[in-house]
Amino acid sequence: MIPSLSSDVNSRLLLIFSLAPFLHAGDKEWVRARPARVTLYVSGVECPGCTYAVSYAISQLKGVGEVVSGQMVDDFVNVTFDPRIVSVHQLAHAVFDAPALHGMPYQASLKLDIPDYSKDDNAGRVDALLQGWADWAEVEVVDRSRGRFTLKFRPLKPGGAAGPQGLSLDKIIEAFTAPAPRGIGLRLEIAAEKEPM
């Protein structure tokens, strides 16, 4: 027979477990320890072997929980990962490092929609923000009037420290959506693909 816990102990355990998903960050902000999910669009995928090579390379990173590719030759992967351990930039770098079965390395990107891009002085602020990331990513304009861009990650420099490197998903989101001075205060939509049934 298992002894029952008193209601006081139960209450304390409930409180402890309800606070467990939160971590104290150094700047006195509480950050929820949650997995992130992102769709990476991958150029250069030509066959099922390419899809497997990309998915496998990402799955080998510490902090990656799940990698789900589209159908056999889709150009995207949905990745669930722990952003405290690995950044979206490191996921993209794993794509670049995957064995290129048809010669050219694969390249991962995010599709960004900034609906208010063409209003007021937003275009200049967005362009300046994206230009600041030139060492980490190349930005391709898809439709300037609608605020559609592709953020293509550049390979990371070798020998980085442990932990997240380069652009993080939280940094990208905060840079666009947070009010000044932390960000530019605009709405950002990051494209996501549904997984096949």
Foldseek 3Di string as FASTA:
>chain_A
DDDDDDVVVVVVVVVCVVCVQWDQDPVRDIDGFAKDKAKKFKPQQDFLVLVVLLLVLLVPFPFWDDWADAPSGGRIIITIGGQFFEFVLVSQLSQQVGPRPPPHGMWIKWKKWFQCCPPDCNVVQVVVVVVVLVVFWDWDDPDNVRRIIITIGDHDDPDDDGGYDRDHPVQVQQQDCPPPPRHPRTDMDIDDDDHDD
